[in-house]
Amino acid sequence: LVDVIKHRRSVIHQEARLNFKVGDDVFFTGRKDKPMFGTVKKIAVKYIHVNTDEGTTWRVPAADLSKPQPIE
């Protein structure tokens, strides 16, 4: 059962990774539920490297990233 869960989680991250490309603006929740905004720097096998607006680089699982919604 554990192997099935790990495999499914891996598939979810792989599918989510296809939604992003280098240069995209992204949003994710950082430590202590702090909202973080940044730009995709690199797409690796399991993680996406994001340069944040604060000047730091984070390795974030693809499934945890989302694209910011435009303000209407």
PDB file of N, CA and C in Angstrom:
ATOM      1  N   LEU A   1       0.822  -1.195   0.000  1.00  0.00           N
ATOM      2  CA  LEU A   1       0.000   0.000   0.000  1.00  0.00           C
ATOM      3  C   LEU A   1       0.867   1.261   0.000  1.00  0.00           C
ATOM      4  N   VAL A   2       1.945   1.253   0.740  1.00  0.00           N
ATOM      5  CA  VAL A   2       2.836   2.411   0.794  1.00  0.00           C
ATOM      6  C   VAL A   2       3.435   2.692  -0.579  1.00  0.00           C
ATOM      7  N   ASP A   3       3.827   1.649  -1.288  1.00  0.00           N
ATOM      8  CA  ASP A   3       4.402   1.844  -2.627  1.00  0.00           C
ATOM      9  C   ASP A   3       3.385   2.452  -3.589  1.00  0.00           C
ATOM     10  N   VAL A   4       2.128   2.064  -3.470  1.00  0.00           N
ATOM     11  CA  VAL A   4       1.080   2.611  -4.327  1.00  0.00           C
ATOM     12  C   VAL A   4       0.907   4.104  -4.055  1.00  0.00           C
ATOM     13  N   ILE A   5       0.902   4.486  -2.787  1.00  0.00           N
ATOM     14  CA  ILE A   5       0.742   5.893  -2.416  1.00  0.00           C
ATOM     15  C   ILE A   5       1.928   6.704  -2.919  1.00  0.00           C
ATOM     16  N   LYS A   6       3.149   6.206  -2.731  1.00  0.00           N
ATOM     17  CA  LYS A   6       4.336   6.912  -3.203  1.00  0.00           C
ATOM     18  C   LYS A   6       4.327   7.072  -4.721  1.00  0.00           C
ATOM     19  N   HIS A   7       3.915   6.038  -5.424  1.00  0.00           N
ATOM     20  CA  HIS A   7       3.861   6.109  -6.887  1.00  0.00           C
ATOM     21  C   HIS A   7       2.824   7.129  -7.334  1.00  0.00           C
ATOM     22  N   ARG A   8       1.663   7.137  -6.701  1.00  0.00           N
ATOM     23  CA  ARG A   8       0.609   8.094  -7.070  1.00  0.00           C
ATOM     24  C   ARG A   8       1.071   9.525  -6.813  1.00  0.00           C
ATOM     25  N   ARG A   9       1.743   9.752  -5.681  1.00  0.00           N
ATOM     26  CA  ARG A   9       2.247  11.082  -5.366  1.00  0.00           C
ATOM     27  C   ARG A   9       3.275  11.523  -6.409  1.00  0.00           C
ATOM     28  N   SER A  10       4.110  10.615  -6.847  1.00  0.00           N
ATOM     29  CA  SER A  10       5.109  10.911  -7.872  1.00  0.00           C
ATOM     30  C   SER A  10       4.439  11.287  -9.190  1.00  0.00           C
ATOM     31  N   VAL A  11       3.394  10.575  -9.559  1.00  0.00           N
ATOM     32  CA  VAL A  11       2.670  10.864 -10.791  1.00  0.00           C
ATOM     33  C   VAL A  11       2.007  12.237 -10.719  1.00  0.00           C
ATOM     34  N   ILE A  12       1.446  12.577  -9.564  1.00  0.00           N
ATOM     35  CA  ILE A  12       0.802  13.881  -9.389  1.00  0.00           C
ATOM     36  C   ILE A  12       1.814  15.001  -9.589  1.00  0.00           C
ATOM     37  N   HIS A  13       3.014  14.845  -9.026  1.00  0.00           N
ATOM     38  CA  HIS A  13       4.049  15.871  -9.177  1.00  0.00           C
ATOM     39  C   HIS A  13       4.532  15.963 -10.622  1.00  0.00           C
ATOM     40  N   GLN A  14       4.651  14.836 -11.295  1.00  0.00           N
ATOM     41  CA  GLN A  14       5.100  14.847 -12.693  1.00  0.00           C
ATOM     42  C   GLN A  14       4.082  15.547 -13.584  1.00  0.00           C
ATOM     43  N   GLU A  15       2.802  15.298 -13.350  1.00  0.00           N
ATOM     44  CA  GLU A  15       1.766  15.946 -14.151  1.00  0.00           C
ATOM     45  C   GLU A  15       1.715  17.447 -13.871  1.00  0.00           C
ATOM     46  N   ALA A  16       1.874  17.827 -12.620  1.00  0.00           N
ATOM     47  CA  ALA A  16       1.845  19.242 -12.256  1.00  0.00           C
ATOM     48  C   ALA A  16       3.038  19.980 -12.848  1.00  0.00           C
ATOM     49  N   ARG A  17       4.162  19.305 -12.953  1.00  0.00           N
ATOM     50  CA  ARG A  17       5.384  19.915 -13.489  1.00  0.00           C
ATOM     51  C   ARG A  17       5.189  20.363 -14.934  1.00  0.00           C
ATOM     52  N   LEU A  18       4.337  19.684 -15.679  1.00  0.00           N
ATOM     53  CA  LEU A  18       4.104  20.022 -17.087  1.00  0.00           C
ATOM     54  C   LEU A  18       3.375  21.355 -17.262  1.00  0.00           C
ATOM     55  N   ASN A  19       2.774  21.876 -16.187  1.00  0.00           N
ATOM     56  CA  ASN A  19       2.023  23.121 -16.265  1.00  0.00           C
ATOM     57  C   ASN A  19       2.901  24.369 -16.153  1.00  0.00           C
ATOM     58  N   PHE A  20       4.183  24.179 -15.879  1.00  0.00           N
ATOM     59  CA  PHE A  20       5.065  25.319 -15.651  1.00  0.00           C
ATOM     60  C   PHE A  20       6.220  25.313 -16.630  1.00  0.00           C
ATOM     61  N   LYS A  21       6.743  26.503 -16.910  1.00  0.00           N
ATOM     62  CA  LYS A  21       7.953  26.626 -17.720  1.00  0.00           C
ATOM     63  C   LYS A  21       8.819  27.718 -17.104  1.00  0.00           C
ATOM     64  N   VAL A  22      10.086  27.733 -17.439  1.00  0.00           N
ATOM     65  CA  VAL A  22      11.019  28.707 -16.894  1.00  0.00           C
ATOM     66  C   VAL A  22      10.524  30.108 -17.235  1.00  0.00           C
ATOM     67  N   GLY A  23      10.514  30.974 -16.229  1.00  0.00           N
ATOM     68  CA  GLY A  23      10.063  32.350 -16.422  1.00  0.00           C
ATOM     69  C   GLY A  23       8.640  32.611 -15.967  1.00  0.00           C
ATOM     70  N   ASP A  24       7.877  31.557 -15.673  1.00  0.00           N
ATOM     71  CA  ASP A  24       6.499  31.736 -15.201  1.00  0.00           C
ATOM     72  C   ASP A  24       6.482  32.347 -13.802  1.00  0.00           C
ATOM     73  N   ASP A  25       5.501  33.213 -13.563  1.00  0.00           N
ATOM     74  CA  ASP A  25       5.261  33.725 -12.217  1.00  0.00           C
ATOM     75  C   ASP A  25       4.446  32.682 -11.469  1.00  0.00           C
ATOM     76  N   VAL A  26       4.842  32.411 -10.219  1.00  0.00           N
ATOM     77  CA  VAL A  26       4.172  31.377  -9.431  1.00  0.00           C
ATOM     78  C   VAL A  26       3.917  31.870  -8.012  1.00  0.00           C
ATOM     79  N   PHE A  27       3.063  31.129  -7.324  1.00  0.00           N
ATOM     80  CA  PHE A  27       2.674  31.402  -5.954  1.00  0.00           C
ATOM     81  C   PHE A  27       2.722  30.091  -5.190  1.00  0.00           C
ATOM     82  N   PHE A  28       3.201  30.138  -3.941  1.00  0.00           N
ATOM     83  CA  PHE A  28       3.160  28.963  -3.074  1.00  0.00           C
ATOM     84  C   PHE A  28       3.139  29.420  -1.628  1.00  0.00           C
ATOM     85  N   THR A  29       2.847  28.504  -0.729  1.00  0.00           N
ATOM     86  CA  THR A  29       2.823  28.798   0.691  1.00  0.00           C
ATOM     87  C   THR A  29       4.154  28.374   1.294  1.00  0.00           C
ATOM     88  N   GLY A  30       4.848  29.322   1.905  1.00  0.00           N
ATOM     89  CA  GLY A  30       6.148  29.054   2.503  1.00  0.00           C
ATOM     90  C   GLY A  30       6.018  28.590   3.939  1.00  0.00           C
ATOM     91  N   ARG A  31       7.106  28.710   4.665  1.00  0.00           N
ATOM     92  CA  ARG A  31       7.112  28.318   6.071  1.00  0.00           C
ATOM     93  C   ARG A  31       6.160  29.208   6.865  1.00  0.00           C
ATOM     94  N   LYS A  32       5.542  28.617   7.872  1.00  0.00           N
ATOM     95  CA  LYS A  32       4.591  29.310   8.739  1.00  0.00           C
ATOM     96  C   LYS A  32       3.445  29.919   7.938  1.00  0.00           C
ATOM     97  N   ASP A  33       3.043  29.230   6.870  1.00  0.00           N
ATOM     98  CA  ASP A  33       1.908  29.633   6.023  1.00  0.00           C
ATOM     99  C   ASP A  33       2.067  31.026   5.421  1.00  0.00           C
ATOM    100  N   LYS A  34       3.293  31.419   5.153  1.00  0.00           N
ATOM    101  CA  LYS A  34       3.556  32.728   4.545  1.00  0.00           C
ATOM    102  C   LYS A  34       3.402  32.619   3.029  1.00  0.00           C
ATOM    103  N   PRO A  35       2.563  33.473   2.421  1.00  0.00           N
ATOM    104  CA  PRO A  35       2.419  33.435   0.954  1.00  0.00           C
ATOM    105  C   PRO A  35       3.699  33.923   0.282  1.00  0.00           C
ATOM    106  N   MET A  36       4.167  33.193  -0.716  1.00  0.00           N
ATOM    107  CA  MET A  36       5.403  33.511  -1.413  1.00  0.00           C
ATOM    108  C   MET A  36       5.119  33.630  -2.904  1.00  0.00           C
ATOM    109  N   PHE A  37       5.683  34.655  -3.508  1.00  0.00           N
ATOM    110  CA  PHE A  37       5.565  34.870  -4.948  1.00  0.00           C
ATOM    111  C   PHE A  37       6.961  34.829  -5.546  1.00  0.00           C
ATOM    112  N   GLY A  38       7.078  34.327  -6.767  1.00  0.00           N
ATOM    113  CA  GLY A  38       8.370  34.277  -7.415  1.00  0.00           C
ATOM    114  C   GLY A  38       8.266  33.882  -8.870  1.00  0.00           C
ATOM    115  N   THR A  39       9.441  33.572  -9.431  1.00  0.00           N
ATOM    116  CA  THR A  39       9.552  33.215 -10.835  1.00  0.00           C
ATOM    117  C   THR A  39      10.275  31.879 -10.951  1.00  0.00           C
ATOM    118  N   VAL A  40       9.802  31.011 -11.848  1.00  0.00           N
ATOM    119  CA  VAL A  40      10.424  29.709 -12.054  1.00  0.00           C
ATOM    120  C   VAL A  40      11.818  29.908 -12.652  1.00  0.00           C
ATOM    121  N   LYS A  41      12.814  29.330 -11.981  1.00  0.00           N
ATOM    122  CA  LYS A  41      14.201  29.429 -12.428  1.00  0.00           C
ATOM    123  C   LYS A  41      14.626  28.159 -13.163  1.00  0.00           C
ATOM    124  N   LYS A  42      14.238  26.995 -12.620  1.00  0.00           N
ATOM    125  CA  LYS A  42      14.666  25.716 -13.177  1.00  0.00           C
ATOM    126  C   LYS A  42      13.613  24.666 -12.847  1.00  0.00           C
ATOM    127  N   ILE A  43      13.415  23.742 -13.778  1.00  0.00           N
ATOM    128  CA  ILE A  43      12.486  22.632 -13.552  1.00  0.00           C
ATOM    129  C   ILE A  43      13.305  21.350 -13.491  1.00  0.00           C
ATOM    130  N   ALA A  44      13.324  20.740 -12.318  1.00  0.00           N
ATOM    131  CA  ALA A  44      14.055  19.498 -12.110  1.00  0.00           C
ATOM    132  C   ALA A  44      13.066  18.326 -12.131  1.00  0.00           C
ATOM    133  N   VAL A  45      13.542  17.137 -11.819  1.00  0.00           N
ATOM    134  CA  VAL A  45      12.695  15.948 -11.886  1.00  0.00           C
ATOM    135  C   VAL A  45      11.565  16.000 -10.862  1.00  0.00           C
ATOM    136  N   LYS A  46      11.877  16.303  -9.591  1.00  0.00           N
ATOM    137  CA  LYS A  46      10.853  16.309  -8.558  1.00  0.00           C
ATOM    138  C   LYS A  46      10.496  17.699  -8.059  1.00  0.00           C
ATOM    139  N   TYR A  47      11.402  18.645  -8.204  1.00  0.00           N
ATOM    140  CA  TYR A  47      11.190  19.976  -7.649  1.00  0.00           C
ATOM    141  C   TYR A  47      11.339  21.052  -8.717  1.00  0.00           C
ATOM    142  N   ILE A  48      10.724  22.187  -8.456  1.00  0.00           N
ATOM    143  CA  ILE A  48      10.886  23.360  -9.303  1.00  0.00           C
ATOM    144  C   ILE A  48      11.603  24.413  -8.467  1.00  0.00           C
ATOM    145  N   HIS A  49      12.672  24.961  -9.006  1.00  0.00           N
ATOM    146  CA  HIS A  49      13.443  25.985  -8.314  1.00  0.00           C
ATOM    147  C   HIS A  49      12.799  27.338  -8.610  1.00  0.00           C
ATOM    148  N   VAL A  50      12.488  28.077  -7.549  1.00  0.00           N
ATOM    149  CA  VAL A  50      11.779  29.341  -7.674  1.00  0.00           C
ATOM    150  C   VAL A  50      12.604  30.453  -7.045  1.00  0.00           C
ATOM    151  N   ASN A  51      12.853  31.523  -7.793  1.00  0.00           N
ATOM    152  CA  ASN A  51      13.452  32.739  -7.249  1.00  0.00           C
ATOM    153  C   ASN A  51      12.312  33.588  -6.713  1.00  0.00           C
ATOM    154  N   THR A  52      12.310  33.839  -5.399  1.00  0.00           N
ATOM    155  CA  THR A  52      11.219  34.599  -4.797  1.00  0.00           C
ATOM    156  C   THR A  52      11.462  36.093  -4.949  1.00  0.00           C
ATOM    157  N   ASP A  53      10.414  36.851  -4.697  1.00  0.00           N
ATOM    158  CA  ASP A  53      10.505  38.304  -4.746  1.00  0.00           C
ATOM    159  C   ASP A  53      11.412  38.842  -3.644  1.00  0.00           C
ATOM    160  N   GLU A  54      11.662  38.033  -2.611  1.00  0.00           N
ATOM    161  CA  GLU A  54      12.536  38.439  -1.508  1.00  0.00           C
ATOM    162  C   GLU A  54      14.009  38.202  -1.820  1.00  0.00           C
ATOM    163  N   GLY A  55      14.308  37.585  -2.961  1.00  0.00           N
ATOM    164  CA  GLY A  55      15.684  37.352  -3.364  1.00  0.00           C
ATOM    165  C   GLY A  55      16.250  36.004  -2.965  1.00  0.00           C
ATOM    166  N   THR A  56      15.418  35.101  -2.469  1.00  0.00           N
ATOM    167  CA  THR A  56      15.884  33.763  -2.105  1.00  0.00           C
ATOM    168  C   THR A  56      15.422  32.750  -3.146  1.00  0.00           C
ATOM    169  N   THR A  57      16.060  31.581  -3.154  1.00  0.00           N
ATOM    170  CA  THR A  57      15.684  30.494  -4.059  1.00  0.00           C
ATOM    171  C   THR A  57      15.118  29.345  -3.236  1.00  0.00           C
ATOM    172  N   TRP A  58      13.966  28.843  -3.646  1.00  0.00           N
ATOM    173  CA  TRP A  58      13.301  27.732  -2.970  1.00  0.00           C
ATOM    174  C   TRP A  58      13.175  26.565  -3.930  1.00  0.00           C
ATOM    175  N   ARG A  59      13.288  25.335  -3.398  1.00  0.00           N
ATOM    176  CA  ARG A  59      12.961  24.123  -4.143  1.00  0.00           C
ATOM    177  C   ARG A  59      11.566  23.713  -3.688  1.00  0.00           C
ATOM    178  N   VAL A  60      10.619  23.752  -4.606  1.00  0.00           N
ATOM    179  CA  VAL A  60       9.218  23.530  -4.255  1.00  0.00           C
ATOM    180  C   VAL A  60       8.677  22.373  -5.087  1.00  0.00           C
ATOM    181  N   PRO A  61       7.949  21.415  -4.469  1.00  0.00           N
ATOM    182  CA  PRO A  61       7.295  20.376  -5.256  1.00  0.00           C
ATOM    183  C   PRO A  61       6.301  21.014  -6.226  1.00  0.00           C
ATOM    184  N   ALA A  62       6.245  20.498  -7.427  1.00  0.00           N
ATOM    185  CA  ALA A  62       5.406  21.093  -8.470  1.00  0.00           C
ATOM    186  C   ALA A  62       3.939  21.152  -8.074  1.00  0.00           C
ATOM    187  N   ALA A  63       3.463  20.170  -7.346  1.00  0.00           N
ATOM    188  CA  ALA A  63       2.056  20.138  -6.958  1.00  0.00           C
ATOM    189  C   ALA A  63       1.720  21.237  -5.954  1.00  0.00           C
ATOM    190  N   ASP A  64       2.718  21.821  -5.301  1.00  0.00           N
ATOM    191  CA  ASP A  64       2.484  22.879  -4.320  1.00  0.00           C
ATOM    192  C   ASP A  64       2.482  24.265  -4.951  1.00  0.00           C
ATOM    193  N   LEU A  65       2.804  24.362  -6.228  1.00  0.00           N
ATOM    194  CA  LEU A  65       2.840  25.645  -6.907  1.00  0.00           C
ATOM    195  C   LEU A  65       1.529  25.931  -7.623  1.00  0.00           C
ATOM    196  N   SER A  66       1.235  27.196  -7.756  1.00  0.00           N
ATOM    197  CA  SER A  66       0.087  27.597  -8.574  1.00  0.00           C
ATOM    198  C   SER A  66       0.429  28.922  -9.237  1.00  0.00           C
ATOM    199  N   LYS A  67      -0.290  29.201 -10.304  1.00  0.00           N
ATOM    200  CA  LYS A  67      -0.086  30.466 -11.008  1.00  0.00           C
ATOM    201  C   LYS A  67      -1.007  31.498 -10.367  1.00  0.00           C
ATOM    202  N   PRO A  68      -0.496  32.711 -10.118  1.00  0.00           N
ATOM    203  CA  PRO A  68      -1.351  33.745  -9.514  1.00  0.00           C
ATOM    204  C   PRO A  68      -2.530  34.089 -10.418  1.00  0.00           C
ATOM    205  N   GLN A  69      -3.666  34.326  -9.813  1.00  0.00           N
ATOM    206  CA  GLN A  69      -4.869  34.677 -10.576  1.00  0.00           C
ATOM    207  C   GLN A  69      -4.826  36.155 -10.928  1.00  0.00           C
ATOM    208  N   PRO A  70      -5.176  36.513 -12.158  1.00  0.00           N
ATOM    209  CA  PRO A  70      -5.185  37.939 -12.522  1.00  0.00           C
ATOM    210  C   PRO A  70      -6.271  38.680 -11.745  1.00  0.00           C
ATOM    211  N   ILE A  71      -5.967  39.916 -11.408  1.00  0.00           N
ATOM    212  CA  ILE A  71      -6.923  40.747 -10.676  1.00  0.00           C
ATOM    213  C   ILE A  71      -7.884  41.369 -11.673  1.00  0.00           C
ATOM    214  N   GLU A  72      -9.173  41.212 -11.395  1.00  0.00           N
ATOM    215  CA  GLU A  72     -10.191  41.736 -12.317  1.00  0.00           C
ATOM    216  C   GLU A  72     -10.697  43.071 -11.858  1.00  0.00           C
TER     217      GLU A  72
END
